[in-house]
Amino acid sequence: MKKLFLSGIILYASSLWADIIRGEAVYQANCSQCHSTHMTGGYGRDFNLVSYTRKKAKIIAYVTDPSEMYKEFGYTANAMPTLPLPKNEIEDVADYIDSLQPFKKWMKHQ
């Protein structure tokens, strides 16, 4: 029973890791032109800051429809285009962004 449980955990962890790797590829192909991950600047917000301040569900919602979400994030205008990404790629890039910071701003309030 322990081996089955351990195997399940390993399988789940490896699938999560695969989502992050696929998400990094989506980031490189679609997001890196505007967003950095090393605080090196860019037109959009650095994804380390996004990872620290936003929950994964909000990242998914924003990538899916930025023109609907920009006011909720405190922006006065929307500069992010709606990307023609399938749902699985949006979820993968959200997993990648979420993985950049292990500690989140919202964790302090719990």
N, C-alpha and C. Protein backbone atom coordinates (compact mmCIF):
# COMPACT_ATOMS: atom_id res chain seq x y z
N MET A 1 0.82 -1.20 0.00
CA MET A 1 0.00 0.00 0.00
C MET A 1 0.86 1.26 0.00
N LYS A 2 1.97 1.25 0.77
CA LYS A 2 2.87 2.40 0.82
C LYS A 2 3.48 2.66 -0.55
N LYS A 3 3.85 1.58 -1.26
CA LYS A 3 4.47 1.74 -2.58
C LYS A 3 3.47 2.35 -3.56
N LEU A 4 2.23 1.94 -3.48
CA LEU A 4 1.20 2.48 -4.36
C LEU A 4 0.99 3.96 -4.08
N PHE A 5 0.94 4.32 -2.82
CA PHE A 5 0.77 5.72 -2.43
C PHE A 5 1.96 6.56 -2.89
N LEU A 6 3.16 6.06 -2.65
CA LEU A 6 4.37 6.76 -3.05
C LEU A 6 4.44 6.90 -4.57
N SER A 7 4.06 5.86 -5.28
CA SER A 7 4.04 5.91 -6.74
C SER A 7 3.06 6.97 -7.23
N GLY A 8 1.92 7.07 -6.57
CA GLY A 8 0.93 8.08 -6.93
C GLY A 8 1.46 9.48 -6.73
N ILE A 9 2.15 9.70 -5.63
CA ILE A 9 2.72 11.03 -5.35
C ILE A 9 3.79 11.37 -6.38
N ILE A 10 4.64 10.42 -6.71
CA ILE A 10 5.69 10.66 -7.70
C ILE A 10 5.08 10.96 -9.07
N LEU A 11 4.06 10.20 -9.44
CA LEU A 11 3.40 10.43 -10.72
C LEU A 11 2.76 11.82 -10.77
N TYR A 12 2.09 12.20 -9.68
CA TYR A 12 1.47 13.53 -9.62
C TYR A 12 2.54 14.63 -9.69
N ALA A 13 3.61 14.48 -8.94
CA ALA A 13 4.67 15.49 -8.94
C ALA A 13 5.32 15.61 -10.31
N SER A 14 5.54 14.49 -10.97
CA SER A 14 6.17 14.55 -12.29
C SER A 14 5.24 15.19 -13.32
N SER A 15 3.94 14.97 -13.19
CA SER A 15 3.02 15.62 -14.13
C SER A 15 2.97 17.12 -13.88
N LEU A 16 3.04 17.53 -12.61
CA LEU A 16 3.08 18.95 -12.29
C LEU A 16 4.35 19.59 -12.83
N TRP A 17 5.48 18.92 -12.69
CA TRP A 17 6.75 19.41 -13.22
C TRP A 17 6.68 19.56 -14.73
N ALA A 18 6.02 18.59 -15.41
CA ALA A 18 5.88 18.65 -16.86
C ALA A 18 5.06 19.87 -17.26
N ASP A 19 4.02 20.21 -16.48
CA ASP A 19 3.22 21.40 -16.76
C ASP A 19 4.08 22.66 -16.68
N ILE A 20 4.97 22.71 -15.72
CA ILE A 20 5.85 23.87 -15.55
C ILE A 20 6.82 23.96 -16.72
N ILE A 21 7.37 22.86 -17.15
CA ILE A 21 8.30 22.86 -18.29
C ILE A 21 7.58 23.26 -19.57
N ARG A 22 6.39 22.72 -19.78
CA ARG A 22 5.60 23.12 -20.95
C ARG A 22 5.23 24.60 -20.84
N GLY A 23 4.93 25.04 -19.63
CA GLY A 23 4.59 26.45 -19.42
C GLY A 23 5.75 27.38 -19.70
N GLU A 24 6.95 26.96 -19.38
CA GLU A 24 8.11 27.78 -19.70
C GLU A 24 8.28 27.91 -21.22
N ALA A 25 8.00 26.85 -21.94
CA ALA A 25 8.07 26.90 -23.41
C ALA A 25 7.00 27.86 -23.96
N VAL A 26 5.80 27.83 -23.37
CA VAL A 26 4.75 28.77 -23.79
C VAL A 26 5.19 30.20 -23.47
N TYR A 27 5.78 30.40 -22.29
CA TYR A 27 6.29 31.73 -21.91
C TYR A 27 7.33 32.21 -22.94
N GLN A 28 8.29 31.37 -23.27
CA GLN A 28 9.34 31.76 -24.21
C GLN A 28 8.76 32.14 -25.57
N ALA A 29 7.76 31.39 -26.02
CA ALA A 29 7.19 31.61 -27.35
C ALA A 29 6.22 32.80 -27.40
N ASN A 30 5.55 33.10 -26.28
CA ASN A 30 4.45 34.07 -26.34
C ASN A 30 4.55 35.25 -25.38
N CYS A 31 5.31 35.13 -24.31
CA CYS A 31 5.27 36.15 -23.26
C CYS A 31 6.60 36.88 -23.07
N SER A 32 7.70 36.22 -23.40
CA SER A 32 9.02 36.76 -23.05
C SER A 32 9.36 38.05 -23.79
N GLN A 33 8.64 38.36 -24.85
CA GLN A 33 8.90 39.61 -25.57
C GLN A 33 8.53 40.82 -24.71
N CYS A 34 7.57 40.63 -23.80
CA CYS A 34 7.12 41.75 -22.96
C CYS A 34 7.39 41.56 -21.47
N HIS A 35 7.46 40.32 -21.01
CA HIS A 35 7.60 40.02 -19.58
C HIS A 35 8.92 39.31 -19.32
N SER A 36 9.68 39.82 -18.34
CA SER A 36 10.90 39.14 -17.94
C SER A 36 10.62 38.23 -16.74
N THR A 37 11.59 37.41 -16.42
CA THR A 37 11.52 36.59 -15.21
C THR A 37 12.76 36.80 -14.34
N HIS A 38 13.56 37.78 -14.70
CA HIS A 38 14.80 38.05 -13.95
C HIS A 38 14.94 39.52 -13.59
N MET A 39 13.80 40.20 -13.50
CA MET A 39 13.78 41.62 -13.13
C MET A 39 14.66 42.45 -14.08
N THR A 40 14.63 42.10 -15.36
CA THR A 40 15.45 42.80 -16.35
C THR A 40 14.65 43.80 -17.16
N GLY A 41 13.41 44.03 -16.78
CA GLY A 41 12.60 45.02 -17.47
C GLY A 41 11.77 44.40 -18.58
N GLY A 42 11.06 45.24 -19.25
CA GLY A 42 10.17 44.82 -20.31
C GLY A 42 8.91 45.65 -20.28
N TYR A 43 8.10 45.52 -21.27
CA TYR A 43 6.88 46.32 -21.34
C TYR A 43 5.88 45.90 -20.26
N GLY A 44 5.78 44.59 -20.03
CA GLY A 44 4.85 44.09 -19.03
C GLY A 44 5.53 43.85 -17.69
N ARG A 45 4.74 43.54 -16.72
CA ARG A 45 5.22 43.29 -15.36
C ARG A 45 6.08 42.02 -15.31
N ASP A 46 7.15 42.05 -14.54
CA ASP A 46 8.01 40.88 -14.37
C ASP A 46 7.19 39.75 -13.74
N PHE A 47 7.36 38.54 -14.26
CA PHE A 47 6.55 37.43 -13.79
C PHE A 47 6.91 36.97 -12.37
N ASN A 48 8.06 37.36 -11.85
CA ASN A 48 8.34 37.08 -10.44
C ASN A 48 7.38 37.87 -9.55
N LEU A 49 7.11 39.11 -9.94
CA LEU A 49 6.16 39.93 -9.18
C LEU A 49 4.74 39.40 -9.34
N VAL A 50 4.40 38.98 -10.56
CA VAL A 50 3.08 38.39 -10.79
C VAL A 50 2.92 37.15 -9.93
N SER A 51 3.94 36.31 -9.89
CA SER A 51 3.89 35.08 -9.10
C SER A 51 3.72 35.36 -7.62
N TYR A 52 4.34 36.42 -7.15
CA TYR A 52 4.27 36.77 -5.73
C TYR A 52 2.91 37.32 -5.34
N THR A 53 2.28 38.08 -6.25
CA THR A 53 1.07 38.81 -5.87
C THR A 53 -0.24 38.20 -6.33
N ARG A 54 -0.23 37.29 -7.29
CA ARG A 54 -1.49 36.79 -7.84
C ARG A 54 -1.64 35.28 -7.69
N LYS A 55 -2.85 34.87 -7.46
CA LYS A 55 -3.17 33.45 -7.40
C LYS A 55 -3.28 32.91 -8.82
N LYS A 56 -3.01 31.63 -8.95
CA LYS A 56 -3.00 30.98 -10.26
C LYS A 56 -4.32 31.19 -11.01
N ALA A 57 -5.44 31.10 -10.34
CA ALA A 57 -6.75 31.28 -11.00
C ALA A 57 -6.86 32.66 -11.63
N LYS A 58 -6.32 33.68 -10.97
CA LYS A 58 -6.36 35.05 -11.51
C LYS A 58 -5.42 35.19 -12.71
N ILE A 59 -4.29 34.50 -12.67
CA ILE A 59 -3.37 34.51 -13.81
C ILE A 59 -4.06 33.91 -15.02
N ILE A 60 -4.72 32.78 -14.82
CA ILE A 60 -5.45 32.12 -15.91
C ILE A 60 -6.53 33.05 -16.46
N ALA A 61 -7.29 33.68 -15.58
CA ALA A 61 -8.36 34.58 -16.01
C ALA A 61 -7.80 35.76 -16.81
N TYR A 62 -6.69 36.32 -16.36
CA TYR A 62 -6.11 37.47 -17.05
C TYR A 62 -5.56 37.09 -18.42
N VAL A 63 -4.86 35.97 -18.50
CA VAL A 63 -4.32 35.52 -19.79
C VAL A 63 -5.47 35.20 -20.75
N THR A 64 -6.52 34.61 -20.23
CA THR A 64 -7.67 34.24 -21.06
C THR A 64 -8.37 35.46 -21.63
N ASP A 65 -8.57 36.50 -20.81
CA ASP A 65 -9.30 37.68 -21.27
C ASP A 65 -8.77 38.94 -20.57
N PRO A 66 -7.62 39.44 -21.01
CA PRO A 66 -7.02 40.60 -20.33
C PRO A 66 -7.88 41.85 -20.37
N SER A 67 -8.65 42.04 -21.43
CA SER A 67 -9.47 43.25 -21.51
C SER A 67 -10.59 43.26 -20.48
N GLU A 68 -10.91 42.09 -19.95
CA GLU A 68 -11.96 41.98 -18.92
C GLU A 68 -11.38 42.13 -17.51
N MET A 69 -10.08 41.89 -17.35
CA MET A 69 -9.48 41.80 -16.02
C MET A 69 -8.60 42.99 -15.63
N TYR A 70 -8.21 43.84 -16.56
CA TYR A 70 -7.17 44.82 -16.24
C TYR A 70 -7.54 45.76 -15.10
N LYS A 71 -8.79 46.15 -15.00
CA LYS A 71 -9.19 47.07 -13.93
C LYS A 71 -9.08 46.42 -12.56
N GLU A 72 -9.39 45.11 -12.50
CA GLU A 72 -9.28 44.39 -11.23
C GLU A 72 -7.85 44.39 -10.70
N PHE A 73 -6.87 44.46 -11.61
CA PHE A 73 -5.47 44.46 -11.20
C PHE A 73 -4.93 45.88 -10.99
N GLY A 74 -5.80 46.87 -11.08
CA GLY A 74 -5.39 48.24 -10.80
C GLY A 74 -4.80 48.99 -11.97
N TYR A 75 -4.91 48.44 -13.17
CA TYR A 75 -4.39 49.12 -14.35
C TYR A 75 -5.45 50.09 -14.88
N THR A 76 -5.01 51.21 -15.44
CA THR A 76 -5.95 52.18 -16.00
C THR A 76 -6.28 51.88 -17.46
N ALA A 77 -5.47 51.07 -18.09
CA ALA A 77 -5.71 50.67 -19.48
C ALA A 77 -5.15 49.27 -19.68
N ASN A 78 -5.62 48.63 -20.72
CA ASN A 78 -5.14 47.28 -21.01
C ASN A 78 -4.16 47.34 -22.18
N ALA A 79 -2.95 46.88 -21.95
CA ALA A 79 -1.95 46.84 -23.00
C ALA A 79 -1.67 45.40 -23.46
N MET A 80 -2.15 44.43 -22.70
CA MET A 80 -1.87 43.04 -23.04
C MET A 80 -2.85 42.54 -24.10
N PRO A 81 -2.33 41.93 -25.15
CA PRO A 81 -3.23 41.39 -26.17
C PRO A 81 -3.86 40.08 -25.69
N THR A 82 -4.99 39.76 -26.27
CA THR A 82 -5.58 38.44 -26.02
C THR A 82 -4.82 37.46 -26.91
N LEU A 83 -4.17 36.50 -26.28
CA LEU A 83 -3.35 35.54 -27.01
C LEU A 83 -4.20 34.35 -27.44
N PRO A 84 -4.03 33.89 -28.68
CA PRO A 84 -4.82 32.75 -29.16
C PRO A 84 -4.24 31.43 -28.68
N LEU A 85 -4.23 31.24 -27.38
CA LEU A 85 -3.67 30.02 -26.79
C LEU A 85 -4.79 29.07 -26.39
N PRO A 86 -4.58 27.77 -26.60
CA PRO A 86 -5.56 26.81 -26.10
C PRO A 86 -5.53 26.78 -24.57
N LYS A 87 -6.61 26.32 -23.98
CA LYS A 87 -6.76 26.31 -22.53
C LYS A 87 -5.60 25.60 -21.83
N ASN A 88 -5.13 24.47 -22.38
CA ASN A 88 -4.05 23.74 -21.71
C ASN A 88 -2.75 24.55 -21.69
N GLU A 89 -2.48 25.34 -22.72
CA GLU A 89 -1.27 26.17 -22.73
C GLU A 89 -1.39 27.33 -21.74
N ILE A 90 -2.59 27.88 -21.61
CA ILE A 90 -2.82 28.94 -20.62
C ILE A 90 -2.60 28.39 -19.22
N GLU A 91 -3.10 27.20 -18.96
CA GLU A 91 -2.90 26.58 -17.65
C GLU A 91 -1.43 26.25 -17.41
N ASP A 92 -0.74 25.78 -18.45
CA ASP A 92 0.69 25.47 -18.31
C ASP A 92 1.51 26.72 -18.01
N VAL A 93 1.25 27.82 -18.73
CA VAL A 93 2.01 29.03 -18.47
C VAL A 93 1.67 29.59 -17.09
N ALA A 94 0.43 29.42 -16.66
CA ALA A 94 0.07 29.85 -15.30
C ALA A 94 0.80 29.01 -14.27
N ASP A 95 0.96 27.70 -14.52
CA ASP A 95 1.75 26.85 -13.62
C ASP A 95 3.20 27.34 -13.57
N TYR A 96 3.75 27.69 -14.72
CA TYR A 96 5.13 28.19 -14.77
C TYR A 96 5.26 29.49 -13.98
N ILE A 97 4.37 30.43 -14.23
CA ILE A 97 4.43 31.71 -13.51
C ILE A 97 4.27 31.48 -12.02
N ASP A 98 3.32 30.65 -11.64
CA ASP A 98 3.08 30.35 -10.23
C ASP A 98 4.30 29.72 -9.56
N SER A 99 5.09 28.98 -10.32
CA SER A 99 6.25 28.28 -9.75
C SER A 99 7.43 29.20 -9.48
N LEU A 100 7.41 30.40 -10.01
CA LEU A 100 8.57 31.29 -9.89
C LEU A 100 8.82 31.77 -8.46
N GLN A 101 7.77 31.91 -7.67
CA GLN A 101 7.92 32.36 -6.29
C GLN A 101 7.23 31.36 -5.36
N PRO A 102 8.00 30.71 -4.49
CA PRO A 102 7.37 29.74 -3.59
C PRO A 102 6.54 30.38 -2.49
N PHE A 103 6.85 31.62 -2.14
CA PHE A 103 6.09 32.33 -1.11
C PHE A 103 5.26 33.40 -1.79
N LYS A 104 4.03 33.55 -1.35
CA LYS A 104 3.09 34.46 -1.99
C LYS A 104 2.65 35.55 -1.02
N LYS A 105 2.37 36.70 -1.54
CA LYS A 105 1.90 37.82 -0.72
C LYS A 105 0.63 37.44 0.03
N TRP A 106 -0.28 36.75 -0.64
CA TRP A 106 -1.55 36.39 -0.01
C TRP A 106 -1.38 35.36 1.11
N MET A 107 -0.24 34.69 1.20
CA MET A 107 0.00 33.73 2.29
C MET A 107 0.14 34.45 3.64
N LYS A 108 0.60 35.69 3.61
CA LYS A 108 0.80 36.44 4.85
C LYS A 108 -0.52 36.77 5.53
N HIS A 109 -1.61 36.76 4.77
CA HIS A 109 -2.91 37.18 5.31
C HIS A 109 -3.76 36.02 5.80
N GLN A 110 -3.20 34.83 5.86
CA GLN A 110 -3.99 33.68 6.29
C GLN A 110 -3.73 33.32 7.72
